[in-house]
Structure formats: structure tokens, C-alpha cells
Amino acid sequence: MRTSTTALGLATLLSSVGPAHVHPHVFAEARLDVIVNPDGTVRSLRHLWRFDDLFSSTVLVEFDGNGDLKLDDTELQEVSQTVYDSLADFNYFQMVTVNGKDVTMKPPPLLMANIENDQLIIMFESEPKEPLLLKGKVDFGVYDPTFYTAIEYTDDQNMAVNGMPSGCTRSVIRPDPDEAIAQNQASLTEDFFTDPTGTDLSKIFATRLELTCTS
């Protein structure tokens, strides 16, 4: 099992860090597709993350076992398995809520890694553990509780819905960091910041797709 930075979100927060000191070290551009069944329940979430050049080159160096400066199928499978195992404890960075309450997602059956234009791409698909009906306010996004990885949707159209019911409206929420901290000030205690397992600070900053459904 590799213990390098390639495991994504691998580092826990350093002790005694606060908002001014916490910042990500790995960056990725993301796409999210919410697939909806005809009955208005969510079938699955499809994720695609495209990582920055520096991190991608680090992955290449660390997993290029035969030294040919590329990753063959066997090496890509090792990357996939490493990321899959590393993200299991973090729910694969997924954030899904219904009217503010967390929704449990099944682990994806598999995770695929590829290198395209010298960038690492991670793709996976997951399903809700229980039927998830689009009713009220339903939010989708990703965040790394260790704040090590920043996964961003650079364009609102990169958060899409396939089969959205007519009774739903779609919006992309990009929280203002200062407002988010102010709204959550009561919970941002010293214990919150020194928790070695990570925090939900990055969750309140995370861009999210919000569906408001009346039926």
C-alpha cells in the first residue's frame, strides 16, 4: 500500500491549523452528472476529476514501474486501486444532502484512472444506498475533509442533470468563504481545527449543485 501523496487526501490536517493556514496542495477540475430515473429518483452520480500537471507528473513518476515514462494498463490499475482504497474512508469525497440531511452513497463498484494530455483523470459512478427521491432541496458536490485536495467545477455547466423532473429547478451554489465562516462561527472551535481526522470546513466552502423540487 503506497503512503505517498498519490493517495489523494492522504494527509491528515496538521495539528493546530486554522483557516488562515489550511490550503490544498492538489487541484483538480471536475464534472458531475446526476442521472435521474423516470420516477424522479436518483439512479447514480457520475464523477470525472482532471488533476493538475504537477500532481499528474508525480503520479507518473511514482507508478511508472518499468521506467518508460508512461503508465501502461497494469500501472493505471495500480493507480486506480490506490485511489479507490485511499478514498473509501472519505466517502469518495461525495457530498449529498436532502433538506440539509446527509445521504449515504454506496461505494462505487470500481474506479478508473487514465492519463490524457499529461493529466491524471479519475472516473467513477456511485449510487444512493437507499432510494433518493428528488423532493425539497437536494444538494450534490465533492469536498476533501482534510483540505488536501481542491476539486472544483470551473463552469456551472460541469454540474449537470440527466432526466431532471419538470418540477425541479437547478442552481449552482458557490459559497463566499467569509460568509460561510460567519454562518458557521459557533462550530468553528479549537477542537474543530485540531481534529486529526479532518474537518467539515472544506464542506461549507464546497461548490454544490442544488435541485429544488416541488414534486
Protein backbone atom coordinates (compact mmCIF):
# COMPACT_ATOMS: atom_id res chain seq x y z
CA MET A 1 0.00 0.00 0.00
CA ARG A 2 1.54 3.32 -1.02
CA THR A 3 1.68 6.07 1.57
CA SER A 4 2.74 8.88 -0.77
CA THR A 5 0.75 11.94 -1.77
CA THR A 6 -0.63 9.98 -4.69
CA ALA A 7 -3.35 8.56 -2.49
CA LEU A 8 -5.33 11.85 -2.61
CA GLY A 9 -6.42 13.34 0.62
CA LEU A 10 -3.83 11.22 2.20
CA ALA A 11 -2.52 13.62 4.64
CA THR A 12 -4.47 14.44 7.73
CA LEU A 13 -4.53 18.05 8.81
CA LEU A 14 -1.51 19.21 10.75
CA SER A 15 -2.26 19.93 14.35
CA SER A 16 -3.17 23.45 15.41
CA VAL A 17 -4.15 24.75 11.99
CA GLY A 18 -6.83 27.32 11.38
CA PRO A 19 -8.50 28.81 8.31
CA ALA A 20 -5.53 31.03 7.51
CA HIS A 21 -3.13 28.09 7.45
CA VAL A 22 -5.23 25.46 5.72
CA HIS A 23 -4.85 25.25 1.98
CA PRO A 24 -4.95 22.48 -0.62
CA HIS A 25 -1.87 21.01 -2.26
CA VAL A 26 -3.58 19.09 -5.09
CA PHE A 27 -6.00 20.62 -7.59
CA ALA A 28 -8.49 19.11 -9.99
CA GLU A 29 -11.19 20.30 -12.37
CA ALA A 30 -14.36 18.24 -12.04
CA ARG A 31 -17.52 17.26 -13.83
CA LEU A 32 -20.58 15.80 -12.13
CA ASP A 33 -23.54 14.21 -13.90
CA VAL A 34 -26.63 13.37 -11.84
CA ILE A 35 -28.57 10.60 -13.59
CA VAL A 36 -32.28 10.57 -12.73
CA ASN A 37 -34.75 7.71 -13.23
CA PRO A 38 -38.17 8.32 -14.87
CA ASP A 39 -39.81 8.09 -11.41
CA GLY A 40 -37.79 11.06 -10.12
CA THR A 41 -35.30 9.06 -8.05
CA VAL A 42 -31.56 9.43 -8.49
CA ARG A 43 -30.03 6.50 -10.31
CA SER A 44 -26.39 7.46 -9.93
CA LEU A 45 -23.73 10.16 -9.76
CA ARG A 46 -21.01 10.14 -12.40
CA HIS A 47 -17.76 11.85 -11.41
CA LEU A 48 -14.81 12.92 -13.54
CA TRP A 49 -11.78 14.65 -11.98
CA ARG A 50 -8.91 16.05 -14.08
CA PHE A 51 -5.83 16.73 -11.94
CA ASP A 52 -3.23 19.46 -12.25
CA ASP A 53 0.00 18.94 -14.17
CA LEU A 54 2.25 18.82 -11.10
CA PHE A 55 0.26 16.18 -9.30
CA SER A 56 -0.21 14.21 -12.52
CA SER A 57 3.55 14.16 -13.12
CA THR A 58 4.07 12.97 -9.54
CA VAL A 59 1.69 10.08 -10.17
CA LEU A 60 3.56 9.21 -13.36
CA VAL A 61 6.93 9.13 -11.61
CA GLU A 62 5.67 7.10 -8.65
CA PHE A 63 3.74 4.46 -10.60
CA ASP A 64 5.94 4.11 -13.71
CA GLY A 65 7.41 0.81 -12.58
CA ASN A 66 9.19 -0.01 -15.83
CA GLY A 67 10.59 3.50 -16.34
CA ASP A 68 9.19 4.07 -19.84
CA LEU A 69 7.73 7.50 -18.91
CA LYS A 70 4.15 6.38 -19.39
CA LEU A 71 1.60 4.34 -17.49
CA ASP A 72 0.53 1.06 -19.04
CA ASP A 73 -2.71 -0.73 -18.17
CA THR A 74 -1.20 -2.57 -15.21
CA GLU A 75 0.27 0.63 -13.75
CA LEU A 76 -3.00 2.52 -14.28
CA GLN A 77 -4.82 -0.27 -12.46
CA GLU A 78 -2.44 0.19 -9.54
CA VAL A 79 -3.22 3.92 -9.52
CA SER A 80 -6.95 3.14 -9.60
CA GLN A 81 -6.73 0.69 -6.72
CA THR A 82 -4.59 3.04 -4.62
CA VAL A 83 -7.03 5.93 -5.06
CA TYR A 84 -10.03 3.65 -4.53
CA ASP A 85 -8.66 2.31 -1.25
CA SER A 86 -7.49 5.71 -0.04
CA LEU A 87 -10.83 7.45 -0.59
CA ALA A 88 -13.01 4.74 0.98
CA ASP A 89 -12.87 6.34 4.44
CA PHE A 90 -13.87 9.70 2.94
CA ASN A 91 -16.98 8.51 1.07
CA TYR A 92 -15.04 9.23 -2.14
CA PHE A 93 -15.29 12.96 -1.31
CA GLN A 94 -19.01 12.91 -2.15
CA MET A 95 -21.45 15.31 -0.54
CA VAL A 96 -25.17 14.58 -0.95
CA THR A 97 -27.89 16.06 1.24
CA VAL A 98 -31.69 16.25 1.24
CA ASN A 99 -33.06 19.27 3.09
CA GLY A 100 -29.73 19.53 4.90
CA LYS A 101 -29.52 15.87 5.97
CA ASP A 102 -26.68 13.68 4.69
CA VAL A 103 -27.47 10.92 2.21
CA THR A 104 -25.39 7.73 2.28
CA MET A 105 -23.91 6.65 -1.03
CA LYS A 106 -22.78 3.13 -1.89
CA PRO A 107 -19.07 2.71 -2.61
CA PRO A 108 -18.51 2.77 -6.37
CA PRO A 109 -18.05 -0.73 -7.80
CA LEU A 110 -14.83 0.43 -9.44
CA LEU A 111 -12.73 3.49 -10.13
CA MET A 112 -10.90 4.15 -13.38
CA ALA A 113 -7.67 6.09 -13.84
CA ASN A 114 -6.24 7.34 -17.11
CA ILE A 115 -3.64 9.79 -18.39
CA GLU A 116 -4.85 12.21 -21.06
CA ASN A 117 -2.77 15.14 -22.32
CA ASP A 118 -0.33 14.50 -19.45
CA GLN A 119 -3.09 14.89 -16.84
CA LEU A 120 -4.42 12.25 -14.49
CA ILE A 121 -8.14 11.60 -14.89
CA ILE A 122 -10.20 9.76 -12.28
CA MET A 123 -13.70 8.50 -13.14
CA PHE A 124 -16.26 6.61 -11.06
CA GLU A 125 -20.00 6.19 -10.66
CA SER A 126 -21.91 5.67 -7.42
CA GLU A 127 -25.50 5.04 -6.35
CA PRO A 128 -27.52 6.11 -3.30
CA LYS A 129 -27.70 3.40 -0.63
CA GLU A 130 -31.45 3.96 -0.31
CA PRO A 131 -33.87 5.31 -2.96
CA LEU A 132 -33.26 9.05 -3.28
CA LEU A 133 -36.35 10.92 -4.45
CA LEU A 134 -35.84 14.44 -5.75
CA LYS A 135 -38.06 16.35 -3.36
CA GLY A 136 -37.35 19.56 -1.46
CA LYS A 137 -33.74 20.80 -1.62
CA VAL A 138 -31.27 18.17 -2.78
CA ASP A 139 -27.58 19.13 -2.93
CA PHE A 140 -24.66 17.38 -4.64
CA GLY A 141 -20.95 18.16 -4.54
CA VAL A 142 -17.50 16.94 -3.57
CA TYR A 143 -15.07 18.00 -0.86
CA ASP A 144 -11.94 16.71 0.85
CA PRO A 145 -12.34 16.88 4.67
CA THR A 146 -8.55 17.02 5.07
CA PHE A 147 -8.42 20.11 2.85
CA TYR A 148 -5.52 18.50 0.98
CA THR A 149 -7.28 18.27 -2.37
CA ALA A 150 -9.28 21.05 -4.06
CA ILE A 151 -11.75 19.67 -6.59
CA GLU A 152 -13.54 22.48 -8.40
CA TYR A 153 -16.25 22.90 -11.00
CA THR A 154 -14.86 25.71 -13.12
CA ASP A 155 -18.05 26.07 -15.17
CA ASP A 156 -21.64 25.77 -13.92
CA GLN A 157 -22.41 23.50 -16.87
CA ASN A 158 -19.97 20.96 -15.43
CA MET A 159 -22.66 20.13 -12.84
CA ALA A 160 -25.38 18.59 -14.97
CA VAL A 161 -28.64 16.66 -14.52
CA ASN A 162 -29.74 13.98 -16.95
CA GLY A 163 -33.53 13.47 -16.77
CA MET A 164 -34.40 16.27 -14.33
CA PRO A 165 -38.14 16.22 -13.50
CA SER A 166 -40.26 19.15 -14.65
CA GLY A 167 -40.99 20.10 -11.03
CA CYS A 168 -37.32 20.78 -10.27
CA THR A 169 -35.12 23.83 -10.77
CA ARG A 170 -31.34 23.74 -10.88
CA SER A 171 -28.77 26.15 -9.45
CA VAL A 172 -25.04 26.05 -8.74
CA ILE A 173 -24.09 27.42 -5.32
CA ARG A 174 -20.59 28.87 -4.86
CA PRO A 175 -20.32 29.89 -1.17
CA ASP A 176 -18.47 33.06 -0.24
CA PRO A 177 -15.73 31.93 2.22
CA ASP A 178 -16.19 34.87 4.59
CA GLU A 179 -19.94 34.43 4.70
CA ALA A 180 -19.58 30.67 5.16
CA ILE A 181 -17.26 31.15 8.16
CA ALA A 182 -19.57 33.76 9.68
CA GLN A 183 -22.60 31.50 9.33
CA ASN A 184 -20.77 28.58 10.97
CA GLN A 185 -18.79 30.52 13.58
CA ALA A 186 -20.37 28.69 16.52
CA SER A 187 -18.99 25.32 15.38
CA LEU A 188 -15.50 26.52 14.42
CA THR A 189 -13.88 25.81 17.78
CA GLU A 190 -10.28 24.86 18.56
CA ASP A 191 -11.32 21.21 18.80
CA PHE A 192 -12.78 21.50 15.30
CA PHE A 193 -9.48 22.64 13.82
CA THR A 194 -7.27 20.18 15.74
CA ASP A 195 -9.28 17.08 14.82
CA PRO A 196 -6.65 14.82 13.16
CA THR A 197 -9.28 13.09 11.01
CA GLY A 198 -10.07 16.29 9.14
CA THR A 199 -12.97 18.72 9.37
CA ASP A 200 -16.06 19.84 7.53
CA LEU A 201 -14.54 23.27 6.89
CA SER A 202 -13.99 22.47 3.24
CA LYS A 203 -17.59 21.20 3.06
CA ILE A 204 -19.03 24.63 3.84
CA PHE A 205 -16.81 26.14 1.13
CA ALA A 206 -17.64 23.50 -1.48
CA THR A 207 -19.39 24.35 -4.73
CA ARG A 208 -22.61 22.38 -4.94
CA LEU A 209 -25.40 21.62 -7.37
CA GLU A 210 -28.75 22.36 -5.72
CA LEU A 211 -32.01 20.98 -7.06
CA THR A 212 -35.23 22.45 -5.68
CA CYS A 213 -38.11 20.09 -6.40
CA THR A 214 -41.80 20.55 -5.60
CA SER A 215 -42.98 17.09 -6.61
